[in-house]
């Protein structure tokens, strides 16, 4: 039986024992000798923004879940990507997937348009390109479809409302984002800014700073420390990135500012549980990252079996999650609204992702 192949960067592979590596190689050889043809294997590549990011590891687990249900012998799954989240850092990995004759590439792009040419090259070679966890606004013609974790039109407003509730709709707050080019975060931030400008409910709130932690824990922490130093009257921070919100909470906790400076945003329950229980974060939001990978694997399986093509209006079954439909804009919505996590449910979800 051909097992799932996991290809990480060279740095990540240092942590894998030589025995385990040899074992995977042997499994691939055994499968080839048993007569399994390459064209019978569905090859899926998942390229996250950067490796070492717990969020994308959680998303990746959804691919494993679906592949386990569908039969590991039918798949070759490769999780690979750059160490850092620069705009063009994923190009090499997309081209490598094409050379390896991937059937589908799922990618959380680090830029709206920096990868358009390489996406076009992949699709010209017959490889499906699916944006996952986000879309690439303005460049949708360069991908086949996009699996969205939630209806992104709802996220920015939901994040701002949660912040407002925690600071009683009054005071100065900041946003600690991922990278300056991150399509998803930029879309949500634009929604927040529009709400601030047009919704009288937020008339007494002031956005004083927008900073970027580049989805790196140390840089995010440094940016949070700078915010506390520059704005002593700061009442809250929205961090719409899992690395950023955890880093912000650590800084606020270390500074003894818990309760005085509210921290919310998008986080992983497993990483945020300690901060919720310590009173550093009252509540935060997210969706269900494993669902995205799970849906992606089932979608590619349906396509491989000739019962699905990523066209608007097309439907496919995603196992235990039910039926999904490609929207007119090429998106597939995992959920309509972000989920909220707080002391009432954090333990239940923290054990899942």
C-alpha atoms as a PDB file:
ATOM      1  CA  UNK A   1       0.000   0.000   0.000  1.00  0.00           C
ATOM      2  CA  UNK A   2       1.349   3.357  -0.960  1.00  0.00           C
ATOM      3  CA  UNK A   3       1.433   5.595   2.052  1.00  0.00           C
ATOM      4  CA  UNK A   4       1.071   9.347   2.223  1.00  0.00           C
ATOM      5  CA  UNK A   5       4.347  11.044   1.396  1.00  0.00           C
ATOM      6  CA  UNK A   6       5.181  14.088   3.416  1.00  0.00           C
ATOM      7  CA  UNK A   7       7.802  16.353   1.890  1.00  0.00           C
ATOM      8  CA  UNK A   8       8.883  19.168   4.151  1.00  0.00           C
ATOM      9  CA  UNK A   9      11.702  21.650   3.625  1.00  0.00           C
ATOM     10  CA  UNK A  10      15.241  20.490   4.314  1.00  0.00           C
ATOM     11  CA  UNK A  11      15.235  22.302   7.623  1.00  0.00           C
ATOM     12  CA  UNK A  12      12.045  20.635   8.754  1.00  0.00           C
ATOM     13  CA  UNK A  13      13.340  17.239   7.672  1.00  0.00           C
ATOM     14  CA  UNK A  14      16.329  17.487  10.011  1.00  0.00           C
ATOM     15  CA  UNK A  15      13.973  16.587  12.840  1.00  0.00           C
ATOM     16  CA  UNK A  16      12.892  13.361  11.145  1.00  0.00           C
ATOM     17  CA  UNK A  17      14.963  10.307  11.965  1.00  0.00           C
ATOM     18  CA  UNK A  18      16.939   8.543   9.253  1.00  0.00           C
ATOM     19  CA  UNK A  19      15.068   5.347  10.018  1.00  0.00           C
ATOM     20  CA  UNK A  20      11.704   6.995   9.392  1.00  0.00           C
ATOM     21  CA  UNK A  21      12.950   8.482   6.130  1.00  0.00           C
ATOM     22  CA  UNK A  22      14.216   5.103   4.999  1.00  0.00           C
ATOM     23  CA  UNK A  23      10.884   3.557   5.904  1.00  0.00           C
ATOM     24  CA  UNK A  24       8.947   5.978   3.730  1.00  0.00           C
ATOM     25  CA  UNK A  25      11.313   5.387   0.843  1.00  0.00           C
ATOM     26  CA  UNK A  26      10.831   1.638   1.171  1.00  0.00           C
ATOM     27  CA  UNK A  27       7.070   2.018   1.125  1.00  0.00           C
ATOM     28  CA  UNK A  28       7.264   3.945  -2.134  1.00  0.00           C
ATOM     29  CA  UNK A  29       9.492   1.286  -3.695  1.00  0.00           C
ATOM     30  CA  UNK A  30       7.186  -1.527  -2.550  1.00  0.00           C
ATOM     31  CA  UNK A  31       4.198   0.222  -4.076  1.00  0.00           C
ATOM     32  CA  UNK A  32       5.986   0.604  -7.411  1.00  0.00           C
ATOM     33  CA  UNK A  33       7.032  -3.058  -7.415  1.00  0.00           C
ATOM     34  CA  UNK A  34       3.477  -4.179  -6.666  1.00  0.00           C
ATOM     35  CA  UNK A  35       2.365  -2.826 -10.017  1.00  0.00           C
ATOM     36  CA  UNK A  36       0.641   0.369  -8.869  1.00  0.00           C
ATOM     37  CA  UNK A  37       0.751   2.757 -11.802  1.00  0.00           C
ATOM     38  CA  UNK A  38       1.620   6.418 -11.261  1.00  0.00           C
ATOM     39  CA  UNK A  39      -1.479   7.579 -13.120  1.00  0.00           C
ATOM     40  CA  UNK A  40      -3.660   5.766 -10.577  1.00  0.00           C
ATOM     41  CA  UNK A  41      -2.318   7.920  -7.764  1.00  0.00           C
ATOM     42  CA  UNK A  42      -3.908  11.282  -6.990  1.00  0.00           C
ATOM     43  CA  UNK A  43      -1.065  13.678  -6.149  1.00  0.00           C
ATOM     44  CA  UNK A  44      -1.978  16.582  -3.906  1.00  0.00           C
ATOM     45  CA  UNK A  45       0.433  19.329  -2.929  1.00  0.00           C
ATOM     46  CA  UNK A  46      -0.376  21.735  -0.107  1.00  0.00           C
ATOM     47  CA  UNK A  47       1.854  24.837   0.004  1.00  0.00           C
ATOM     48  CA  UNK A  48       1.205  26.959   3.122  1.00  0.00           C
ATOM     49  CA  UNK A  49       2.352  30.529   3.603  1.00  0.00           C
ATOM     50  CA  UNK A  50       5.281  29.203   5.599  1.00  0.00           C
ATOM     51  CA  UNK A  51       6.301  26.043   7.408  1.00  0.00           C
ATOM     52  CA  UNK A  52       6.244  25.821  11.182  1.00  0.00           C
ATOM     53  CA  UNK A  53       2.917  27.642  11.347  1.00  0.00           C
ATOM     54  CA  UNK A  54       0.543  25.694  13.652  1.00  0.00           C
ATOM     55  CA  UNK A  55      -2.490  26.990  11.792  1.00  0.00           C
ATOM     56  CA  UNK A  56      -1.461  25.349   8.533  1.00  0.00           C
ATOM     57  CA  UNK A  57      -0.454  22.192  10.335  1.00  0.00           C
ATOM     58  CA  UNK A  58      -4.030  22.060  11.648  1.00  0.00           C
ATOM     59  CA  UNK A  59      -5.376  22.641   8.142  1.00  0.00           C
ATOM     60  CA  UNK A  60      -3.104  19.906   6.807  1.00  0.00           C
ATOM     61  CA  UNK A  61      -4.553  17.419   9.274  1.00  0.00           C
ATOM     62  CA  UNK A  62      -7.837  17.690   7.379  1.00  0.00           C
ATOM     63  CA  UNK A  63      -6.185  16.328   4.243  1.00  0.00           C
ATOM     64  CA  UNK A  64      -4.936  13.351   6.263  1.00  0.00           C
ATOM     65  CA  UNK A  65      -8.393  12.706   7.695  1.00  0.00           C
ATOM     66  CA  UNK A  66     -10.048  12.638   4.278  1.00  0.00           C
ATOM     67  CA  UNK A  67      -7.295  10.580   2.652  1.00  0.00           C
ATOM     68  CA  UNK A  68      -7.537   8.053   5.472  1.00  0.00           C
ATOM     69  CA  UNK A  69     -11.252   7.695   4.773  1.00  0.00           C
ATOM     70  CA  UNK A  70     -10.842   7.492   1.002  1.00  0.00           C
ATOM     71  CA  UNK A  71      -7.889   5.085   1.080  1.00  0.00           C
ATOM     72  CA  UNK A  72      -4.233   6.011   1.453  1.00  0.00           C
ATOM     73  CA  UNK A  73      -3.285   3.738  -1.438  1.00  0.00           C
ATOM     74  CA  UNK A  74      -4.990   6.166  -3.816  1.00  0.00           C
ATOM     75  CA  UNK A  75      -3.035   9.259  -2.791  1.00  0.00           C
ATOM     76  CA  UNK A  76       0.328  10.914  -2.568  1.00  0.00           C
ATOM     77  CA  UNK A  77       0.084  13.953  -0.305  1.00  0.00           C
ATOM     78  CA  UNK A  78       2.931  16.443  -0.099  1.00  0.00           C
ATOM     79  CA  UNK A  79       3.056  19.260   2.460  1.00  0.00           C
ATOM     80  CA  UNK A  80       5.877  21.607   1.522  1.00  0.00           C
ATOM     81  CA  UNK A  81       6.653  25.290   1.444  1.00  0.00           C
ATOM     82  CA  UNK A  82       8.991  28.137   2.366  1.00  0.00           C
ATOM     83  CA  UNK A  83      10.346  28.939   5.793  1.00  0.00           C
ATOM     84  CA  UNK A  84       9.254  32.574   5.564  1.00  0.00           C
ATOM     85  CA  UNK A  85       6.196  34.259   4.102  1.00  0.00           C
ATOM     86  CA  UNK A  86       7.622  36.607   1.461  1.00  0.00           C
ATOM     87  CA  UNK A  87       5.486  37.447  -1.563  1.00  0.00           C
ATOM     88  CA  UNK A  88       7.334  35.204  -4.033  1.00  0.00           C
ATOM     89  CA  UNK A  89       8.772  32.597  -1.646  1.00  0.00           C
ATOM     90  CA  UNK A  90       6.299  29.940  -2.830  1.00  0.00           C
ATOM     91  CA  UNK A  91       7.181  30.058  -6.546  1.00  0.00           C
ATOM     92  CA  UNK A  92       9.844  27.366  -6.320  1.00  0.00           C
ATOM     93  CA  UNK A  93       7.433  24.978  -4.626  1.00  0.00           C
ATOM     94  CA  UNK A  94       4.705  25.472  -7.210  1.00  0.00           C
ATOM     95  CA  UNK A  95       7.160  24.682 -10.013  1.00  0.00           C
ATOM     96  CA  UNK A  96       8.427  21.626  -8.127  1.00  0.00           C
ATOM     97  CA  UNK A  97       4.863  20.354  -7.831  1.00  0.00           C
ATOM     98  CA  UNK A  98       4.377  20.742 -11.586  1.00  0.00           C
ATOM     99  CA  UNK A  99       7.603  18.841 -12.277  1.00  0.00           C
ATOM    100  CA  UNK A 100       6.386  16.055  -9.972  1.00  0.00           C
ATOM    101  CA  UNK A 101       3.189  15.796 -12.038  1.00  0.00           C
ATOM    102  CA  UNK A 102       0.836  16.919  -9.289  1.00  0.00           C
ATOM    103  CA  UNK A 103      -2.864  16.645  -9.963  1.00  0.00           C
ATOM    104  CA  UNK A 104      -3.732  19.560  -7.710  1.00  0.00           C
ATOM    105  CA  UNK A 105      -1.888  22.293  -5.859  1.00  0.00           C
ATOM    106  CA  UNK A 106      -3.541  23.872  -2.836  1.00  0.00           C
ATOM    107  CA  UNK A 107      -1.848  27.097  -1.823  1.00  0.00           C
ATOM    108  CA  UNK A 108      -2.327  29.831   0.761  1.00  0.00           C
ATOM    109  CA  UNK A 109      -0.680  32.535  -1.321  1.00  0.00           C
ATOM    110  CA  UNK A 110       1.502  35.190   0.254  1.00  0.00           C
ATOM    111  CA  UNK A 111       0.472  37.766  -2.349  1.00  0.00           C
ATOM    112  CA  UNK A 112      -2.567  38.643  -4.422  1.00  0.00           C
ATOM    113  CA  UNK A 113      -0.642  38.748  -7.688  1.00  0.00           C
ATOM    114  CA  UNK A 114       3.045  37.878  -7.289  1.00  0.00           C
ATOM    115  CA  UNK A 115       2.410  34.231  -8.229  1.00  0.00           C
ATOM    116  CA  UNK A 116       0.141  34.776 -11.217  1.00  0.00           C
ATOM    117  CA  UNK A 117       2.724  33.759 -13.801  1.00  0.00           C
ATOM    118  CA  UNK A 118       3.713  30.573 -12.001  1.00  0.00           C
ATOM    119  CA  UNK A 119       0.048  29.689 -11.494  1.00  0.00           C
ATOM    120  CA  UNK A 120      -0.508  30.109 -15.220  1.00  0.00           C
ATOM    121  CA  UNK A 121       2.455  27.838 -15.939  1.00  0.00           C
ATOM    122  CA  UNK A 122       1.020  25.167 -13.641  1.00  0.00           C
ATOM    123  CA  UNK A 123      -2.443  25.290 -15.164  1.00  0.00           C
ATOM    124  CA  UNK A 124      -1.000  25.211 -18.690  1.00  0.00           C
ATOM    125  CA  UNK A 125       0.725  21.975 -17.656  1.00  0.00           C
ATOM    126  CA  UNK A 126      -2.632  20.490 -16.646  1.00  0.00           C
ATOM    127  CA  UNK A 127      -2.320  21.010 -12.888  1.00  0.00           C
ATOM    128  CA  UNK A 128      -5.304  22.384 -11.002  1.00  0.00           C
ATOM    129  CA  UNK A 129      -4.453  25.391  -8.820  1.00  0.00           C
ATOM    130  CA  UNK A 130      -6.692  25.861  -5.810  1.00  0.00           C
ATOM    131  CA  UNK A 131      -6.382  28.722  -3.396  1.00  0.00           C
ATOM    132  CA  UNK A 132      -7.081  27.509   0.131  1.00  0.00           C
ATOM    133  CA  UNK A 133      -7.835  29.385   3.340  1.00  0.00           C
ATOM    134  CA  UNK A 134      -8.170  32.565   1.262  1.00  0.00           C
ATOM    135  CA  UNK A 135      -8.588  33.829  -2.262  1.00  0.00           C
ATOM    136  CA  UNK A 136      -6.351  36.041  -4.396  1.00  0.00           C
ATOM    137  CA  UNK A 137      -8.502  39.155  -4.943  1.00  0.00           C
ATOM    138  CA  UNK A 138      -8.030  40.645  -8.381  1.00  0.00           C
ATOM    139  CA  UNK A 139      -6.230  37.534  -9.635  1.00  0.00           C
ATOM    140  CA  UNK A 140      -9.016  34.964  -9.494  1.00  0.00           C
ATOM    141  CA  UNK A 141      -8.552  34.166 -13.192  1.00  0.00           C
ATOM    142  CA  UNK A 142      -5.201  32.579 -12.333  1.00  0.00           C
ATOM    143  CA  UNK A 143      -6.640  29.825 -10.090  1.00  0.00           C
ATOM    144  CA  UNK A 144      -9.317  27.182 -10.632  1.00  0.00           C
ATOM    145  CA  UNK A 145     -11.283  27.683  -7.418  1.00  0.00           C
ATOM    146  CA  UNK A 146     -10.810  28.752  -3.809  1.00  0.00           C
ATOM    147  CA  UNK A 147     -11.716  26.884  -0.638  1.00  0.00           C
ATOM    148  CA  UNK A 148     -12.564  29.550   1.905  1.00  0.00           C
ATOM    149  CA  UNK A 149     -12.557  28.838   5.646  1.00  0.00           C
ATOM    150  CA  UNK A 150     -15.538  31.133   6.050  1.00  0.00           C
ATOM    151  CA  UNK A 151     -17.388  33.826   4.146  1.00  0.00           C
ATOM    152  CA  UNK A 152     -14.656  36.457   4.252  1.00  0.00           C
ATOM    153  CA  UNK A 153     -17.215  39.226   3.818  1.00  0.00           C
ATOM    154  CA  UNK A 154     -18.272  38.571   7.424  1.00  0.00           C
ATOM    155  CA  UNK A 155     -14.859  38.356   9.129  1.00  0.00           C
ATOM    156  CA  UNK A 156     -13.692  41.976   9.258  1.00  0.00           C
ATOM    157  CA  UNK A 157     -16.973  43.252  10.686  1.00  0.00           C
ATOM    158  CA  UNK A 158     -17.139  40.347  13.151  1.00  0.00           C
ATOM    159  CA  UNK A 159     -13.616  41.050  14.401  1.00  0.00           C
ATOM    160  CA  UNK A 160     -14.291  44.747  14.895  1.00  0.00           C
ATOM    161  CA  UNK A 161     -17.564  44.059  16.708  1.00  0.00           C
ATOM    162  CA  UNK A 162     -15.828  41.656  19.074  1.00  0.00           C
ATOM    163  CA  UNK A 163     -13.180  44.268  19.855  1.00  0.00           C
ATOM    164  CA  UNK A 164     -15.841  46.930  20.360  1.00  0.00           C
ATOM    165  CA  UNK A 165     -17.753  44.767  22.810  1.00  0.00           C
ATOM    166  CA  UNK A 166     -14.632  44.205  24.873  1.00  0.00           C
ATOM    167  CA  UNK A 167     -13.720  47.913  25.126  1.00  0.00           C
ATOM    168  CA  UNK A 168     -17.314  49.163  25.446  1.00  0.00           C
ATOM    169  CA  UNK A 169     -17.267  50.768  22.007  1.00  0.00           C
ATOM    170  CA  UNK A 170     -14.848  53.469  23.115  1.00  0.00           C
ATOM    171  CA  UNK A 171     -11.103  54.099  23.040  1.00  0.00           C
ATOM    172  CA  UNK A 172      -7.952  53.650  21.019  1.00  0.00           C
ATOM    173  CA  UNK A 173      -7.006  50.308  19.516  1.00  0.00           C
ATOM    174  CA  UNK A 174      -4.491  48.886  17.053  1.00  0.00           C
ATOM    175  CA  UNK A 175      -4.276  46.070  14.526  1.00  0.00           C
ATOM    176  CA  UNK A 176      -1.358  43.616  14.550  1.00  0.00           C
ATOM    177  CA  UNK A 177      -1.502  41.861  11.183  1.00  0.00           C
ATOM    178  CA  UNK A 178       0.559  39.253   9.307  1.00  0.00           C
ATOM    179  CA  UNK A 179       2.528  40.528   6.284  1.00  0.00           C
ATOM    180  CA  UNK A 180       1.813  43.761   4.440  1.00  0.00           C
ATOM    181  CA  UNK A 181       0.967  41.717   1.321  1.00  0.00           C
ATOM    182  CA  UNK A 182      -1.274  39.106   2.980  1.00  0.00           C
ATOM    183  CA  UNK A 183      -4.467  39.068   0.858  1.00  0.00           C
ATOM    184  CA  UNK A 184      -6.817  37.741   3.524  1.00  0.00           C
ATOM    185  CA  UNK A 185      -5.710  40.043   6.334  1.00  0.00           C
ATOM    186  CA  UNK A 186      -5.723  43.069   4.043  1.00  0.00           C
ATOM    187  CA  UNK A 187      -9.281  42.302   2.958  1.00  0.00           C
ATOM    188  CA  UNK A 188     -10.479  42.039   6.557  1.00  0.00           C
ATOM    189  CA  UNK A 189      -8.638  45.193   7.590  1.00  0.00           C
ATOM    190  CA  UNK A 190     -10.242  47.121   4.737  1.00  0.00           C
ATOM    191  CA  UNK A 191     -13.632  45.911   5.988  1.00  0.00           C
ATOM    192  CA  UNK A 192     -12.822  47.075   9.511  1.00  0.00           C
ATOM    193  CA  UNK A 193     -11.745  50.483   8.245  1.00  0.00           C
ATOM    194  CA  UNK A 194     -14.949  50.823   6.227  1.00  0.00           C
ATOM    195  CA  UNK A 195     -17.022  49.944   9.291  1.00  0.00           C
ATOM    196  CA  UNK A 196     -15.144  52.489  11.399  1.00  0.00           C
ATOM    197  CA  UNK A 197     -15.750  55.188   8.813  1.00  0.00           C
ATOM    198  CA  UNK A 198     -19.401  54.469   8.119  1.00  0.00           C
ATOM    199  CA  UNK A 199     -20.960  52.822  11.179  1.00  0.00           C
ATOM    200  CA  UNK A 200     -21.908  55.351  13.887  1.00  0.00           C
ATOM    201  CA  UNK A 201     -21.701  52.578  16.493  1.00  0.00           C
ATOM    202  CA  UNK A 202     -17.909  52.934  16.314  1.00  0.00           C
ATOM    203  CA  UNK A 203     -17.752  56.731  16.419  1.00  0.00           C
ATOM    204  CA  UNK A 204     -15.915  56.717  19.762  1.00  0.00           C
ATOM    205  CA  UNK A 205     -13.313  54.183  18.682  1.00  0.00           C
ATOM    206  CA  UNK A 206     -10.009  55.193  17.082  1.00  0.00           C
ATOM    207  CA  UNK A 207      -7.644  52.964  15.108  1.00  0.00           C
ATOM    208  CA  UNK A 208      -4.238  54.427  16.004  1.00  0.00           C
ATOM    209  CA  UNK A 209      -1.853  51.945  14.363  1.00  0.00           C
ATOM    210  CA  UNK A 210      -1.619  49.126  11.843  1.00  0.00           C
ATOM    211  CA  UNK A 211       1.544  47.070  12.248  1.00  0.00           C
ATOM    212  CA  UNK A 212       2.869  43.849  10.734  1.00  0.00           C
ATOM    213  CA  UNK A 213       4.467  40.919  12.516  1.00  0.00           C
ATOM    214  CA  UNK A 214       5.129  39.006   9.273  1.00  0.00           C
ATOM    215  CA  UNK A 215       3.556  35.902  10.842  1.00  0.00           C
ATOM    216  CA  UNK A 216       6.677  35.447  12.929  1.00  0.00           C
ATOM    217  CA  UNK A 217       6.341  35.121  16.701  1.00  0.00           C
ATOM    218  CA  UNK A 218       9.376  37.236  17.592  1.00  0.00           C
ATOM    219  CA  UNK A 219       8.559  40.087  15.229  1.00  0.00           C
ATOM    220  CA  UNK A 220       4.910  40.058  16.257  1.00  0.00           C
ATOM    221  CA  UNK A 221       5.939  40.264  19.907  1.00  0.00           C
ATOM    222  CA  UNK A 222       8.307  43.147  19.150  1.00  0.00           C
ATOM    223  CA  UNK A 223       5.532  45.024  17.351  1.00  0.00           C
ATOM    224  CA  UNK A 224       3.189  44.455  20.295  1.00  0.00           C
ATOM    225  CA  UNK A 225       5.782  45.716  22.749  1.00  0.00           C
ATOM    226  CA  UNK A 226       6.230  48.837  20.616  1.00  0.00           C
ATOM    227  CA  UNK A 227       2.476  49.447  20.590  1.00  0.00           C
ATOM    228  CA  UNK A 228       2.295  49.300  24.391  1.00  0.00           C
ATOM    229  CA  UNK A 229       5.221  51.698  24.673  1.00  0.00           C
ATOM    230  CA  UNK A 230       3.940  54.197  22.108  1.00  0.00           C
ATOM    231  CA  UNK A 231       0.295  54.182  23.179  1.00  0.00           C
ATOM    232  CA  UNK A 232       0.022  53.984  26.977  1.00  0.00           C
ATOM    233  CA  UNK A 233      -3.739  54.538  26.726  1.00  0.00           C
ATOM    234  CA  UNK A 234      -4.222  51.684  24.251  1.00  0.00           C
ATOM    235  CA  UNK A 235      -7.376  49.762  25.100  1.00  0.00           C
ATOM    236  CA  UNK A 236      -7.163  46.880  22.677  1.00  0.00           C
ATOM    237  CA  UNK A 237      -5.497  45.043  19.820  1.00  0.00           C
ATOM    238  CA  UNK A 238      -6.995  42.995  17.003  1.00  0.00           C
ATOM    239  CA  UNK A 239      -4.597  40.379  15.624  1.00  0.00           C
ATOM    240  CA  UNK A 240      -6.271  38.639  12.652  1.00  0.00           C
ATOM    241  CA  UNK A 241      -3.527  36.025  12.496  1.00  0.00           C
ATOM    242  CA  UNK A 242      -2.955  33.018  14.744  1.00  0.00           C
ATOM    243  CA  UNK A 243       0.726  33.721  15.319  1.00  0.00           C
ATOM    244  CA  UNK A 244       0.070  37.397  15.976  1.00  0.00           C
ATOM    245  CA  UNK A 245      -2.684  36.932  18.539  1.00  0.00           C
ATOM    246  CA  UNK A 246      -0.690  34.421  20.591  1.00  0.00           C
ATOM    247  CA  UNK A 247       2.370  36.697  20.528  1.00  0.00           C
ATOM    248  CA  UNK A 248       0.274  39.700  21.538  1.00  0.00           C
ATOM    249  CA  UNK A 249      -1.208  37.792  24.461  1.00  0.00           C
ATOM    250  CA  UNK A 250       2.211  36.772  25.739  1.00  0.00           C
ATOM    251  CA  UNK A 251       3.421  40.372  25.649  1.00  0.00           C
ATOM    252  CA  UNK A 252       0.323  41.722  27.386  1.00  0.00           C
ATOM    253  CA  UNK A 253       0.575  39.008  30.025  1.00  0.00           C
ATOM    254  CA  UNK A 254       4.278  39.678  30.638  1.00  0.00           C
ATOM    255  CA  UNK A 255       3.647  43.424  30.850  1.00  0.00           C
ATOM    256  CA  UNK A 256       0.980  42.934  33.497  1.00  0.00           C
ATOM    257  CA  UNK A 257      -1.546  44.586  31.190  1.00  0.00           C
ATOM    258  CA  UNK A 258      -4.124  41.784  31.139  1.00  0.00           C
ATOM    259  CA  UNK A 259      -7.584  43.259  31.458  1.00  0.00           C
ATOM    260  CA  UNK A 260      -6.367  46.795  30.736  1.00  0.00           C
ATOM    261  CA  UNK A 261      -5.407  46.000  27.130  1.00  0.00           C
ATOM    262  CA  UNK A 262      -7.866  43.670  25.467  1.00  0.00           C
ATOM    263  CA  UNK A 263      -6.525  41.220  22.880  1.00  0.00           C
ATOM    264  CA  UNK A 264      -8.695  39.511  20.316  1.00  0.00           C
ATOM    265  CA  UNK A 265      -8.436  38.323  16.728  1.00  0.00           C
ATOM    266  CA  UNK A 266      -8.124  34.973  15.004  1.00  0.00           C
ATOM    267  CA  UNK A 267      -6.452  32.199  16.967  1.00  0.00           C
ATOM    268  CA  UNK A 268      -6.100  28.464  17.381  1.00  0.00           C
ATOM    269  CA  UNK A 269      -7.962  27.160  20.444  1.00  0.00           C
ATOM    270  CA  UNK A 270      -5.023  24.900  21.331  1.00  0.00           C
ATOM    271  CA  UNK A 271      -2.699  27.912  21.514  1.00  0.00           C
ATOM    272  CA  UNK A 272      -5.165  30.325  23.072  1.00  0.00           C
ATOM    273  CA  UNK A 273      -6.534  28.154  25.882  1.00  0.00           C
ATOM    274  CA  UNK A 274      -3.907  29.280  28.387  1.00  0.00           C
ATOM    275  CA  UNK A 275      -4.591  32.946  27.681  1.00  0.00           C
ATOM    276  CA  UNK A 276      -8.363  32.570  27.902  1.00  0.00           C
ATOM    277  CA  UNK A 277      -8.067  30.771  31.221  1.00  0.00           C
ATOM    278  CA  UNK A 278      -5.626  33.400  32.521  1.00  0.00           C
ATOM    279  CA  UNK A 279      -7.950  36.255  31.586  1.00  0.00           C
ATOM    280  CA  UNK A 280      -5.587  37.713  29.002  1.00  0.00           C
ATOM    281  CA  UNK A 281      -8.079  37.123  26.181  1.00  0.00           C
ATOM    282  CA  UNK A 282     -11.814  37.200  26.839  1.00  0.00           C
ATOM    283  CA  UNK A 283     -12.790  35.751  23.470  1.00  0.00           C
ATOM    284  CA  UNK A 284     -11.495  35.349  19.934  1.00  0.00           C
ATOM    285  CA  UNK A 285     -12.652  33.915  16.642  1.00  0.00           C
ATOM    286  CA  UNK A 286     -11.690  31.423  13.985  1.00  0.00           C
ATOM    287  CA  UNK A 287     -13.325  28.680  11.958  1.00  0.00           C
ATOM    288  CA  UNK A 288     -12.341  25.019  11.657  1.00  0.00           C
ATOM    289  CA  UNK A 289      -9.030  24.719   9.723  1.00  0.00           C
ATOM    290  CA  UNK A 290      -9.096  20.894   9.355  1.00  0.00           C
ATOM    291  CA  UNK A 291     -12.397  21.175   7.500  1.00  0.00           C
ATOM    292  CA  UNK A 292     -10.634  23.024   4.666  1.00  0.00           C
ATOM    293  CA  UNK A 293      -8.126  20.277   3.952  1.00  0.00           C
ATOM    294  CA  UNK A 294     -10.809  17.642   4.336  1.00  0.00           C
ATOM    295  CA  UNK A 295     -13.022  19.360   1.757  1.00  0.00           C
ATOM    296  CA  UNK A 296     -10.038  19.833  -0.569  1.00  0.00           C
ATOM    297  CA  UNK A 297      -9.148  16.142  -0.603  1.00  0.00           C
ATOM    298  CA  UNK A 298     -12.728  15.088  -1.294  1.00  0.00           C
ATOM    299  CA  UNK A 299     -13.018  17.663  -4.073  1.00  0.00           C
ATOM    300  CA  UNK A 300      -9.911  16.388  -5.850  1.00  0.00           C
ATOM    301  CA  UNK A 301     -11.103  12.794  -5.395  1.00  0.00           C
ATOM    302  CA  UNK A 302     -14.445  13.669  -6.993  1.00  0.00           C
ATOM    303  CA  UNK A 303     -12.619  15.279  -9.900  1.00  0.00           C
ATOM    304  CA  UNK A 304     -10.305  12.293 -10.317  1.00  0.00           C
ATOM    305  CA  UNK A 305     -13.379  10.067 -10.552  1.00  0.00           C
ATOM    306  CA  UNK A 306     -14.962  12.237 -13.221  1.00  0.00           C
ATOM    307  CA  UNK A 307     -17.924  13.454 -11.173  1.00  0.00           C
ATOM    308  CA  UNK A 308     -16.780  17.027 -10.580  1.00  0.00           C
ATOM    309  CA  UNK A 309     -15.187  19.953 -12.379  1.00  0.00           C
ATOM    310  CA  UNK A 310     -14.491  23.254 -10.581  1.00  0.00           C
ATOM    311  CA  UNK A 311     -17.079  25.287 -12.461  1.00  0.00           C
ATOM    312  CA  UNK A 312     -19.622  27.676 -10.905  1.00  0.00           C
ATOM    313  CA  UNK A 313     -22.639  25.731  -9.715  1.00  0.00           C
ATOM    314  CA  UNK A 314     -20.827  22.388  -9.602  1.00  0.00           C
ATOM    315  CA  UNK A 315     -21.444  20.251  -6.509  1.00  0.00           C
ATOM    316  CA  UNK A 316     -19.500  17.512  -4.786  1.00  0.00           C
ATOM    317  CA  UNK A 317     -19.814  15.447  -1.649  1.00  0.00           C
ATOM    318  CA  UNK A 318     -17.270  15.965   1.121  1.00  0.00           C
ATOM    319  CA  UNK A 319     -17.829  12.868   3.215  1.00  0.00           C
ATOM    320  CA  UNK A 320     -19.177  13.557   6.698  1.00  0.00           C
ATOM    321  CA  UNK A 321     -19.358  17.309   6.016  1.00  0.00           C
ATOM    322  CA  UNK A 322     -21.971  16.919   3.321  1.00  0.00           C
ATOM    323  CA  UNK A 323     -22.387  18.594  -0.069  1.00  0.00           C
ATOM    324  CA  UNK A 324     -20.601  21.738  -1.244  1.00  0.00           C
ATOM    325  CA  UNK A 325     -21.225  24.004  -4.214  1.00  0.00           C
ATOM    326  CA  UNK A 326     -18.834  26.188  -6.212  1.00  0.00           C
ATOM    327  CA  UNK A 327     -20.172  29.741  -6.038  1.00  0.00           C
ATOM    328  CA  UNK A 328     -20.328  32.057  -9.088  1.00  0.00           C
ATOM    329  CA  UNK A 329     -17.049  33.672  -7.989  1.00  0.00           C
ATOM    330  CA  UNK A 330     -15.308  30.283  -7.886  1.00  0.00           C
ATOM    331  CA  UNK A 331     -15.276  30.069  -4.102  1.00  0.00           C
ATOM    332  CA  UNK A 332     -16.357  27.193  -1.871  1.00  0.00           C
ATOM    333  CA  UNK A 333     -17.406  28.320   1.614  1.00  0.00           C
ATOM    334  CA  UNK A 334     -16.524  26.031   4.492  1.00  0.00           C
ATOM    335  CA  UNK A 335     -18.606  28.137   6.915  1.00  0.00           C
ATOM    336  CA  UNK A 336     -20.713  31.308   6.647  1.00  0.00           C
ATOM    337  CA  UNK A 337     -19.597  33.057   9.870  1.00  0.00           C
ATOM    338  CA  UNK A 338     -16.470  32.769  12.037  1.00  0.00           C
ATOM    339  CA  UNK A 339     -16.827  30.709  15.192  1.00  0.00           C
ATOM    340  CA  UNK A 340     -16.289  32.341  18.586  1.00  0.00           C
ATOM    341  CA  UNK A 341     -14.195  30.790  21.349  1.00  0.00           C
ATOM    342  CA  UNK A 342     -14.170  31.745  25.027  1.00  0.00           C
ATOM    343  CA  UNK A 343     -14.099  30.143  28.462  1.00  0.00           C
ATOM    344  CA  UNK A 344     -17.344  28.312  27.760  1.00  0.00           C
ATOM    345  CA  UNK A 345     -16.004  26.191  24.894  1.00  0.00           C
ATOM    346  CA  UNK A 346     -12.212  26.552  24.752  1.00  0.00           C
ATOM    347  CA  UNK A 347     -11.438  23.167  26.329  1.00  0.00           C
ATOM    348  CA  UNK A 348     -13.650  21.316  23.850  1.00  0.00           C
ATOM    349  CA  UNK A 349     -11.926  22.804  20.813  1.00  0.00           C
ATOM    350  CA  UNK A 350      -8.383  23.030  22.188  1.00  0.00           C
ATOM    351  CA  UNK A 351      -8.005  19.263  21.946  1.00  0.00           C
ATOM    352  CA  UNK A 352      -9.021  19.347  18.257  1.00  0.00           C
ATOM    353  CA  UNK A 353      -6.824  22.095  16.768  1.00  0.00           C
END
